[in-house]
Amino acid sequence: MNPTKIIIGYGDGQREERVLGDGTYQIGREFGDIVVRDPGLSSQHALLYVSGGVVTLVDQGSTNGSFDGAGRRLQGPHPLRPGEQLRLGGATLTLAPSPPAGGTQLMQSFPAALPVVGAPAPMPPPNAGAYAAAPAPAPMPNAGAYGAAPAMAAVSVSTVRGTLIKVPDATPGLVMVNGRQCPFVLEGIWRIPAAPTPGMSVEAALDAQGNIVGLTPVDAARVALEQGQQVADLARKGYGVALDRIGKPTLVATAVLWLGWFVLPSVHMGPLSLTFWQLLGIDPSNFMTLAAGTSNHGLLSLVGLGSIALPLAPLVWKGPPRPWLNMAPLAFLGLVVAGTVYFVERAISEQEQASAALQNQLFGGASARSFGAAANAAQDAASDFLMKSAFEAVGWGLAVIVIASVVLFVQALRRRSVAPQSLAEPSFSVAR
């Protein structure tokens, strides 16, 4: 089987050739199986799949994108055609054409010893003497001592990031490149007048054998900018994964739900404002804790915390989609409302029974009935006042929680109506 060869072209005209076997290769700006030193690439720019001579490239949601030969941005797996030039940032990636099956074709040969009648003597090539007298190229400084590349014109050079760990003195200096310590000297290698210092970040130019042929320090501001770009790339990648697995409406609604749950005020009682999380920790049978605003979270609070975390479960759980997880917050709110209604009705019923028993003991007969009617009217007026006060005490944080829970519930119903295969993980196969 012919080897698979790709050609990497840089904006400055340099080219690299890589021979790849079957497998998966990560393409990145600084790290990966194929490192392309171009500022337009992301840290994890694309994946290259090689199988049986078939090469497929998949962009990983990079910032600047990947483009085919016609200038169209790649939106999915893209099989490379021999000779097609893809653009990744400011660099290009080309699949070299495979040689014909059976190796190099030979031209039909003729006996060289047969003379040709009347043919003139062959003319020597132009400047033959000059070519024959051309001296061998001079070796680079320190090439024999420290294993540097003998001639830049004869080798391909790649640039990688390294860290200077020892400054040259009586012995060569050391720079850490790709997990190994490489020796170097200043003459012919260090490319600026300023002296090197340990811990300095450098760009190391390596020849085909991995020897250092040049070192250039990297500005600290550039290092900080690149680190910031890496953090931004990771954030964008994480956001993209979240969107792929749970969808933008679910992600936004869950974020709003958490905001209303822990930050926004759900109840106002005079100068006191309580969040919904604080309310869940209050014992309704002890109004002193309600007035003090103290919380003691128990099982109910933990169940509520789990209900608002379930919509985010697909981010860590790699199983098939479970749309019903989005129903958990609204179901929990229904449980809280049912429990609150049950507690209030039970308290009112116990109070009415105690009041009726007291009336019969004190008055009895018609007087008890007359007094009971007046007491019931007073209780109804008190209940109406309590209900009105409760509605006035409700904060807008509770409304945010209810709206976000309803949105998640609707998303659950919509996702359940979609065919399961459309919700599966995006995948593709490489032809063999």
Protein backbone atom coordinates (compact mmCIF):
# COMPACT_ATOMS: atom_id res chain seq x y z
CA MET A 1 0.00 0.00 0.00
CA ASN A 2 1.38 3.45 -0.93
CA PRO A 3 2.13 5.74 2.05
CA THR A 4 -0.17 8.68 2.77
CA LYS A 5 1.69 11.97 2.51
CA ILE A 6 0.40 15.44 3.39
CA ILE A 7 2.11 18.75 2.65
CA ILE A 8 1.83 21.68 5.10
CA GLY A 9 2.44 25.13 3.62
CA TYR A 10 3.10 28.26 5.69
CA GLY A 11 2.52 31.89 4.84
CA ASP A 12 6.28 32.55 4.65
CA GLY A 13 6.73 29.95 1.92
CA GLN A 14 8.09 27.13 4.11
CA ARG A 15 6.74 23.64 3.51
CA GLU A 16 6.66 20.47 5.55
CA GLU A 17 5.89 16.94 4.45
CA ARG A 18 4.43 14.33 6.77
CA VAL A 19 4.05 10.64 5.99
CA LEU A 20 1.10 9.23 7.96
CA GLY A 21 -0.08 5.76 8.73
CA ASP A 22 -3.67 4.77 9.47
CA GLY A 23 -5.02 6.50 12.57
CA THR A 24 -6.39 9.74 14.01
CA TYR A 25 -4.23 12.87 14.18
CA GLN A 26 -4.93 16.03 16.21
CA ILE A 27 -3.99 19.26 14.41
CA GLY A 28 -3.22 22.20 16.69
CA ARG A 29 -1.28 25.43 16.94
CA GLU A 30 1.03 24.30 19.76
CA PHE A 31 0.09 20.80 20.81
CA GLY A 32 -1.13 17.70 19.00
CA ASP A 33 0.01 15.01 16.63
CA ILE A 34 0.47 17.58 13.84
CA VAL A 35 1.64 20.98 15.14
CA VAL A 36 1.13 23.84 12.65
CA ARG A 37 2.81 27.00 13.94
CA ASP A 38 0.35 29.54 12.59
CA PRO A 39 -1.40 32.19 14.75
CA GLY A 40 -4.61 31.66 12.80
CA LEU A 41 -5.02 28.10 14.12
CA SER A 42 -6.78 27.14 17.33
CA SER A 43 -5.19 24.98 20.01
CA GLN A 44 -7.35 22.07 18.88
CA HIS A 45 -8.15 23.12 15.35
CA ALA A 46 -9.09 19.93 13.48
CA LEU A 47 -8.86 16.14 13.39
CA LEU A 48 -7.34 14.20 10.49
CA TYR A 49 -8.50 10.62 9.94
CA VAL A 50 -6.37 8.33 7.77
CA SER A 51 -7.61 4.89 6.76
CA GLY A 52 -6.42 2.84 3.82
CA GLY A 53 -5.22 5.88 1.87
CA VAL A 54 -8.49 7.78 2.47
CA VAL A 55 -7.96 11.03 4.40
CA THR A 56 -10.82 12.94 6.05
CA LEU A 57 -10.56 16.26 7.90
CA VAL A 58 -13.04 17.43 10.55
CA ASP A 59 -12.92 20.98 11.93
CA GLN A 60 -13.37 21.03 15.73
CA GLY A 61 -15.26 24.31 15.90
CA SER A 62 -12.11 26.41 15.47
CA THR A 63 -12.28 30.18 15.71
CA ASN A 64 -11.04 30.96 12.19
CA GLY A 65 -12.40 27.78 10.61
CA SER A 66 -11.16 25.46 7.86
CA PHE A 67 -11.90 26.04 4.17
CA ASP A 68 -11.88 23.84 1.07
CA GLY A 69 -10.22 24.65 -2.24
CA ALA A 70 -13.23 26.73 -3.35
CA GLY A 71 -13.11 28.89 -0.20
CA ARG A 72 -16.16 27.32 1.48
CA ARG A 73 -16.00 26.83 5.24
CA LEU A 74 -16.11 23.18 6.25
CA GLN A 75 -19.22 22.28 8.22
CA GLY A 76 -18.64 18.54 8.60
CA PRO A 77 -16.30 15.70 7.62
CA HIS A 78 -14.46 16.57 4.42
CA PRO A 79 -12.64 13.85 2.42
CA LEU A 80 -9.42 15.19 0.89
CA ARG A 81 -8.82 14.73 -2.82
CA PRO A 82 -5.23 14.32 -4.01
CA GLY A 83 -3.82 17.74 -4.81
CA GLU A 84 -6.68 19.61 -3.11
CA GLN A 85 -5.44 22.47 -0.93
CA LEU A 86 -7.33 23.14 2.29
CA ARG A 87 -6.78 26.37 4.22
CA LEU A 88 -6.42 26.22 8.03
CA GLY A 89 -5.85 29.72 9.40
CA GLY A 90 -2.96 31.12 7.38
CA ALA A 91 -1.55 27.67 6.54
CA THR A 92 -2.52 25.16 3.86
CA LEU A 93 -2.89 21.38 3.97
CA THR A 94 -2.55 19.32 0.78
CA LEU A 95 -2.88 15.58 0.21
CA ALA A 96 0.00 14.59 -2.05
CA PRO A 97 -1.03 12.48 -5.06
CA SER A 98 -0.21 8.79 -4.69
CA PRO A 99 2.26 7.25 -7.18
CA PRO A 100 0.79 4.82 -9.74
CA ALA A 101 0.22 1.24 -8.59
CA GLY A 102 3.25 -0.97 -9.06
CA GLY A 103 5.80 1.79 -8.39
CA THR A 104 7.46 4.20 -10.78
CA GLN A 105 6.85 3.49 -14.48
CA LEU A 106 10.03 2.96 -16.52
CA MET A 107 10.46 4.23 -20.05
CA GLN A 108 11.34 1.71 -22.73
CA SER A 109 15.12 1.35 -22.76
CA PHE A 110 17.38 0.97 -25.82
CA PRO A 111 20.96 -0.39 -26.02
CA ALA A 112 23.29 2.48 -25.26
CA ALA A 113 26.26 0.84 -26.99
CA LEU A 114 24.82 0.82 -30.53
CA PRO A 115 26.36 3.61 -32.58
CA VAL A 116 24.20 5.91 -34.62
CA VAL A 117 25.61 6.38 -38.12
CA GLY A 118 26.32 10.00 -38.96
CA ALA A 119 25.36 11.29 -35.51
CA PRO A 120 27.59 14.08 -34.16
CA ALA A 121 29.48 13.67 -30.95
CA PRO A 122 27.37 14.58 -27.88
CA MET A 123 27.87 18.13 -26.67
CA PRO A 124 28.86 18.64 -23.05
CA PRO A 125 26.25 20.37 -20.86
CA PRO A 126 26.57 24.14 -20.47
CA ASN A 127 28.93 25.21 -17.69
CA ALA A 128 29.88 21.61 -17.05
CA GLY A 129 33.23 22.67 -15.75
CA ALA A 130 31.69 25.18 -13.40
CA TYR A 131 29.32 22.59 -11.96
CA ALA A 132 32.11 20.05 -11.56
CA ALA A 133 34.27 22.58 -9.75
CA ALA A 134 31.54 23.75 -7.36
CA PRO A 135 32.83 23.28 -3.78
CA ALA A 136 30.88 21.41 -1.16
CA PRO A 137 28.75 23.63 1.11
CA ALA A 138 30.50 24.78 4.25
CA PRO A 139 29.20 23.30 7.49
CA MET A 140 27.28 25.48 9.94
CA PRO A 141 29.04 26.71 13.09
CA ASN A 142 29.12 24.13 15.87
CA ALA A 143 27.49 21.58 13.57
CA GLY A 144 30.07 18.90 14.31
CA ALA A 145 30.23 19.64 18.04
CA TYR A 146 26.58 19.73 18.93
CA GLY A 147 24.75 17.93 16.12
CA ALA A 148 23.10 20.93 14.41
CA ALA A 149 21.84 20.63 10.86
CA PRO A 150 24.71 20.76 8.31
CA ALA A 151 22.94 22.98 5.74
CA MET A 152 19.60 24.75 5.95
CA ALA A 153 19.00 24.47 2.23
CA ALA A 154 19.19 20.69 2.36
CA VAL A 155 16.71 20.07 5.20
CA SER A 156 13.17 21.07 6.14
CA VAL A 157 12.87 23.17 9.28
CA SER A 158 10.00 23.14 11.77
CA THR A 159 9.44 25.54 14.65
CA VAL A 160 8.22 24.46 18.07
CA ARG A 161 7.81 26.18 21.42
CA GLY A 162 10.34 25.39 24.14
CA THR A 163 11.62 26.57 27.53
CA LEU A 164 15.22 27.53 28.23
CA ILE A 165 16.39 25.68 31.35
CA LYS A 166 20.17 26.34 31.27
CA VAL A 167 22.25 29.17 29.84
CA PRO A 168 25.43 28.17 27.98
CA ASP A 169 28.65 28.72 29.95
CA ALA A 170 31.62 26.35 29.89
CA THR A 171 29.14 23.69 28.80
CA PRO A 172 26.30 23.93 26.28
CA GLY A 173 22.96 25.35 27.32
CA LEU A 174 19.80 23.27 27.51
CA VAL A 175 16.31 23.95 26.17
CA MET A 176 13.29 21.73 26.85
CA VAL A 177 11.53 20.91 23.58
CA ASN A 178 8.79 18.30 23.19
CA GLY A 179 9.65 16.71 26.53
CA ARG A 180 13.39 16.32 25.86
CA GLN A 181 16.46 18.39 26.73
CA CYS A 182 18.35 19.67 23.70
CA PRO A 183 21.87 21.20 23.98
CA PHE A 184 22.76 24.44 22.19
CA VAL A 185 25.43 27.13 22.01
CA LEU A 186 24.97 30.83 21.39
CA GLU A 187 27.08 31.22 18.26
CA GLY A 188 24.98 30.77 15.16
CA ILE A 189 21.97 29.60 17.21
CA TRP A 190 20.87 32.49 19.46
CA ARG A 191 19.28 35.05 17.14
CA ILE A 192 19.03 38.29 19.16
CA PRO A 193 21.64 40.46 20.90
CA ALA A 194 20.03 40.21 24.37
CA ALA A 195 21.38 37.50 26.67
CA PRO A 196 19.20 34.44 27.39
CA THR A 197 17.84 33.77 30.89
CA PRO A 198 16.59 30.50 32.46
CA GLY A 199 12.85 29.98 32.24
CA MET A 200 12.55 32.05 29.07
CA SER A 201 10.01 30.85 26.51
CA VAL A 202 11.65 30.41 23.08
CA GLU A 203 10.81 29.41 19.54
CA ALA A 204 13.13 26.54 18.58
CA ALA A 205 13.86 25.83 14.92
CA LEU A 206 14.52 22.11 14.43
CA ASP A 207 15.89 20.26 11.43
CA ALA A 208 14.59 16.95 10.16
CA GLN A 209 16.69 15.06 12.75
CA GLY A 210 15.34 17.15 15.65
CA ASN A 211 18.54 19.16 16.16
CA ILE A 212 18.33 22.83 17.16
CA VAL A 213 19.39 25.20 14.38
CA GLY A 214 17.98 28.43 15.81
CA LEU A 215 16.49 29.92 19.00
CA THR A 216 14.39 33.07 19.24
CA PRO A 217 12.88 34.30 22.54
CA VAL A 218 9.14 34.81 22.73
CA ASP A 219 7.84 38.09 24.10
CA ALA A 220 6.08 37.77 27.48
CA ALA A 221 3.07 39.72 26.19
CA ARG A 222 2.74 37.26 23.31
CA VAL A 223 2.87 34.32 25.73
CA ALA A 224 0.13 35.89 27.86
CA LEU A 225 -1.97 36.55 24.75
CA GLU A 226 -1.59 32.95 23.59
CA GLN A 227 -2.53 31.63 27.02
CA GLY A 228 -5.61 33.84 26.95
CA GLN A 229 -6.48 32.50 23.52
CA GLN A 230 -6.13 28.94 24.82
CA VAL A 231 -8.52 29.69 27.69
CA ALA A 232 -10.95 31.30 25.24
CA ASP A 233 -10.69 28.31 22.90
CA LEU A 234 -11.43 25.92 25.76
CA ALA A 235 -14.40 28.04 26.82
CA ARG A 236 -15.73 28.14 23.26
CA LYS A 237 -15.22 24.43 22.90
CA GLY A 238 -17.01 23.73 26.20
CA TYR A 239 -19.87 26.02 25.17
CA GLY A 240 -20.07 24.26 21.79
CA VAL A 241 -20.20 20.83 23.45
CA ALA A 242 -22.94 22.05 25.78
CA LEU A 243 -24.96 23.37 22.84
CA ASP A 244 -24.56 20.10 20.96
CA ARG A 245 -25.70 17.93 23.86
CA ILE A 246 -28.51 19.93 25.49
CA GLY A 247 -29.34 22.75 23.07
CA LYS A 248 -29.20 26.53 23.48
CA PRO A 249 -32.75 27.03 24.91
CA THR A 250 -32.15 24.41 27.61
CA LEU A 251 -28.74 25.86 28.47
CA VAL A 252 -30.07 29.42 28.75
CA ALA A 253 -33.19 28.40 30.70
CA THR A 254 -31.12 26.37 33.17
CA ALA A 255 -28.73 29.29 33.73
CA VAL A 256 -31.69 31.61 34.40
CA LEU A 257 -33.22 29.00 36.71
CA TRP A 258 -30.06 28.81 38.82
CA LEU A 259 -29.89 32.60 38.96
CA GLY A 260 -33.46 32.85 40.24
CA TRP A 261 -32.93 29.94 42.65
CA PHE A 262 -29.88 31.28 44.49
CA VAL A 263 -29.60 35.02 43.76
CA LEU A 264 -32.90 36.75 43.01
CA PRO A 265 -35.31 37.50 45.90
CA SER A 266 -38.36 35.23 45.95
CA VAL A 267 -40.12 36.59 49.08
CA HIS A 268 -40.20 40.06 50.68
CA MET A 269 -41.20 40.36 54.34
CA GLY A 270 -40.73 43.97 55.35
CA PRO A 271 -37.00 44.70 55.21
CA LEU A 272 -36.20 40.99 54.81
CA SER A 273 -35.73 39.40 51.38
CA LEU A 274 -35.24 35.66 50.95
CA THR A 275 -34.14 33.65 47.94
CA PHE A 276 -35.93 30.44 47.03
CA TRP A 277 -32.96 28.43 48.32
CA GLN A 278 -33.30 30.16 51.71
CA LEU A 279 -37.03 29.49 51.76
CA LEU A 280 -36.45 25.76 51.28
CA GLY A 281 -34.37 25.75 54.46
CA ILE A 282 -37.10 27.30 56.67
CA ASP A 283 -39.26 25.13 58.90
CA PRO A 284 -42.89 26.23 58.18
CA SER A 285 -44.02 24.98 61.59
CA ASN A 286 -41.70 27.43 63.35
CA PHE A 287 -42.47 31.01 62.39
CA MET A 288 -39.62 32.31 64.52
CA THR A 289 -37.13 30.90 62.03
CA LEU A 290 -39.17 32.44 59.20
CA ALA A 291 -38.94 35.87 60.82
CA ALA A 292 -35.23 35.46 61.56
CA GLY A 293 -34.45 34.29 58.04
CA THR A 294 -32.37 31.35 59.23
CA SER A 295 -32.11 28.24 57.08
CA ASN A 296 -31.53 24.59 57.88
CA HIS A 297 -31.54 22.70 54.59
CA GLY A 298 -32.70 19.13 54.70
CA LEU A 299 -33.94 16.46 52.31
CA LEU A 300 -36.36 18.76 50.48
CA SER A 301 -33.57 21.22 49.69
CA LEU A 302 -31.33 18.43 48.38
CA VAL A 303 -34.14 17.11 46.16
CA GLY A 304 -34.64 20.64 44.78
CA LEU A 305 -30.93 21.00 44.11
CA GLY A 306 -30.97 17.72 42.19
CA SER A 307 -34.00 18.80 40.16
CA ILE A 308 -32.27 21.92 38.80
CA ALA A 309 -29.08 19.95 38.09
CA LEU A 310 -30.77 17.21 36.03
CA PRO A 311 -31.15 19.33 32.84
CA LEU A 312 -27.33 19.60 32.77
CA ALA A 313 -26.76 15.87 33.28
CA PRO A 314 -26.12 15.17 29.53
CA LEU A 315 -22.90 17.20 29.82
CA VAL A 316 -21.29 14.48 31.95
CA TRP A 317 -23.51 11.51 31.14
CA LYS A 318 -22.63 10.15 27.69
CA GLY A 319 -25.68 7.92 27.31
CA PRO A 320 -28.58 8.49 24.92
CA PRO A 321 -30.63 11.69 25.35
CA ARG A 322 -33.22 11.75 28.12
CA PRO A 323 -35.57 14.69 27.43
CA TRP A 324 -37.63 14.00 30.55
CA LEU A 325 -34.76 15.33 32.69
CA ASN A 326 -35.92 18.86 31.76
CA MET A 327 -39.25 18.19 33.50
CA ALA A 328 -37.62 17.82 36.93
CA PRO A 329 -37.65 21.54 38.01
CA LEU A 330 -41.34 22.04 37.26
CA ALA A 331 -42.18 18.72 38.94
CA PHE A 332 -40.33 19.84 42.07
CA LEU A 333 -42.20 23.18 42.12
CA GLY A 334 -45.45 21.25 41.89
CA LEU A 335 -44.35 19.12 44.83
CA VAL A 336 -43.55 22.24 46.89
CA VAL A 337 -46.91 23.85 46.07
CA ALA A 338 -48.83 20.67 46.93
CA GLY A 339 -46.95 20.30 50.21
CA THR A 340 -47.56 23.94 51.14
CA VAL A 341 -51.31 23.71 50.38
CA TYR A 342 -51.57 20.52 52.40
CA PHE A 343 -49.81 22.08 55.39
CA VAL A 344 -51.94 25.24 55.32
CA GLU A 345 -55.24 23.35 54.98
CA ARG A 346 -54.26 20.99 57.77
CA ALA A 347 -53.35 23.88 60.08
CA ILE A 348 -56.65 25.67 59.34
CA SER A 349 -58.66 22.48 59.86
CA GLU A 350 -57.01 21.80 63.22
CA GLN A 351 -57.63 25.38 64.29
CA GLU A 352 -61.34 25.19 63.29
CA GLN A 353 -61.80 21.93 65.18
CA ALA A 354 -60.17 23.35 68.30
CA SER A 355 -62.30 26.51 68.09
CA ALA A 356 -65.57 24.52 67.69
CA ALA A 357 -64.73 22.31 70.68
CA LEU A 358 -64.00 25.36 72.81
CA GLN A 359 -67.28 27.00 71.80
CA ASN A 360 -69.32 23.93 72.75
CA GLN A 361 -67.67 23.80 76.13
CA LEU A 362 -68.22 27.46 76.90
CA PHE A 363 -71.59 28.23 75.36
CA GLY A 364 -73.40 25.24 73.90
CA GLY A 365 -76.68 25.30 72.01
CA ALA A 366 -77.83 28.22 69.93
CA SER A 367 -75.33 30.62 71.46
CA ALA A 368 -72.51 28.33 70.31
CA ARG A 369 -73.87 28.29 66.77
CA SER A 370 -74.21 32.06 66.69
CA PHE A 371 -70.71 32.54 68.08
CA GLY A 372 -69.35 29.89 65.70
CA ALA A 373 -70.77 31.71 62.68
CA ALA A 374 -69.10 34.93 63.78
CA ALA A 375 -65.82 33.08 64.40
CA ASN A 376 -65.95 31.46 60.95
CA ALA A 377 -66.49 34.84 59.32
CA ALA A 378 -63.49 36.19 61.20
CA GLN A 379 -61.40 33.22 60.09
CA ASP A 380 -62.42 33.71 56.47
CA ALA A 381 -61.46 37.37 56.66
CA ALA A 382 -58.13 36.41 58.23
CA SER A 383 -57.50 33.80 55.50
CA ASP A 384 -58.24 36.34 52.77
CA PHE A 385 -55.85 38.79 54.41
CA LEU A 386 -53.14 36.13 54.64
CA MET A 387 -53.58 35.17 50.97
CA LYS A 388 -53.39 38.81 49.88
CA SER A 389 -50.29 39.35 52.01
CA ALA A 390 -48.69 36.22 50.57
CA PHE A 391 -49.20 37.40 46.98
CA GLU A 392 -47.81 40.83 47.86
CA ALA A 393 -44.76 39.21 49.45
CA VAL A 394 -43.87 37.19 46.35
CA GLY A 395 -40.71 38.50 44.69
CA TRP A 396 -39.90 38.52 41.00
CA GLY A 397 -37.24 35.87 41.57
CA LEU A 398 -40.02 33.30 42.06
CA ALA A 399 -41.62 34.36 38.77
CA VAL A 400 -38.26 33.86 37.01
CA ILE A 401 -37.99 30.35 38.48
CA VAL A 402 -41.49 29.40 37.33
CA ILE A 403 -40.96 30.77 33.80
CA ALA A 404 -37.59 29.00 33.39
CA SER A 405 -39.09 25.74 34.66
CA VAL A 406 -41.96 25.99 32.17
CA VAL A 407 -39.50 26.65 29.31
CA LEU A 408 -37.53 23.52 30.29
CA PHE A 409 -40.75 21.52 30.43
CA VAL A 410 -41.71 22.68 26.92
CA GLN A 411 -38.24 21.80 25.65
CA ALA A 412 -38.66 18.31 27.09
CA LEU A 413 -41.91 17.85 25.21
CA ARG A 414 -40.37 19.13 21.97
CA ARG A 415 -37.33 16.87 22.21
CA ARG A 416 -39.50 13.85 22.94
CA SER A 417 -41.37 14.49 19.69
CA VAL A 418 -38.11 14.36 17.67
CA ALA A 419 -37.01 11.02 16.26
CA PRO A 420 -34.33 9.37 18.44
CA GLN A 421 -31.84 9.09 15.58
CA SER A 422 -31.79 12.87 15.13
CA LEU A 423 -30.72 13.29 18.76
CA ALA A 424 -27.87 10.84 18.64
CA GLU A 425 -24.24 11.84 18.78
CA PRO A 426 -22.93 13.20 15.46
CA SER A 427 -20.72 10.57 13.90
CA PHE A 428 -19.18 9.62 10.62
CA SER A 429 -17.27 6.73 9.21
CA VAL A 430 -14.16 6.64 7.08
CA ALA A 431 -14.29 4.45 4.01
CA ARG A 432 -11.74 1.69 3.94
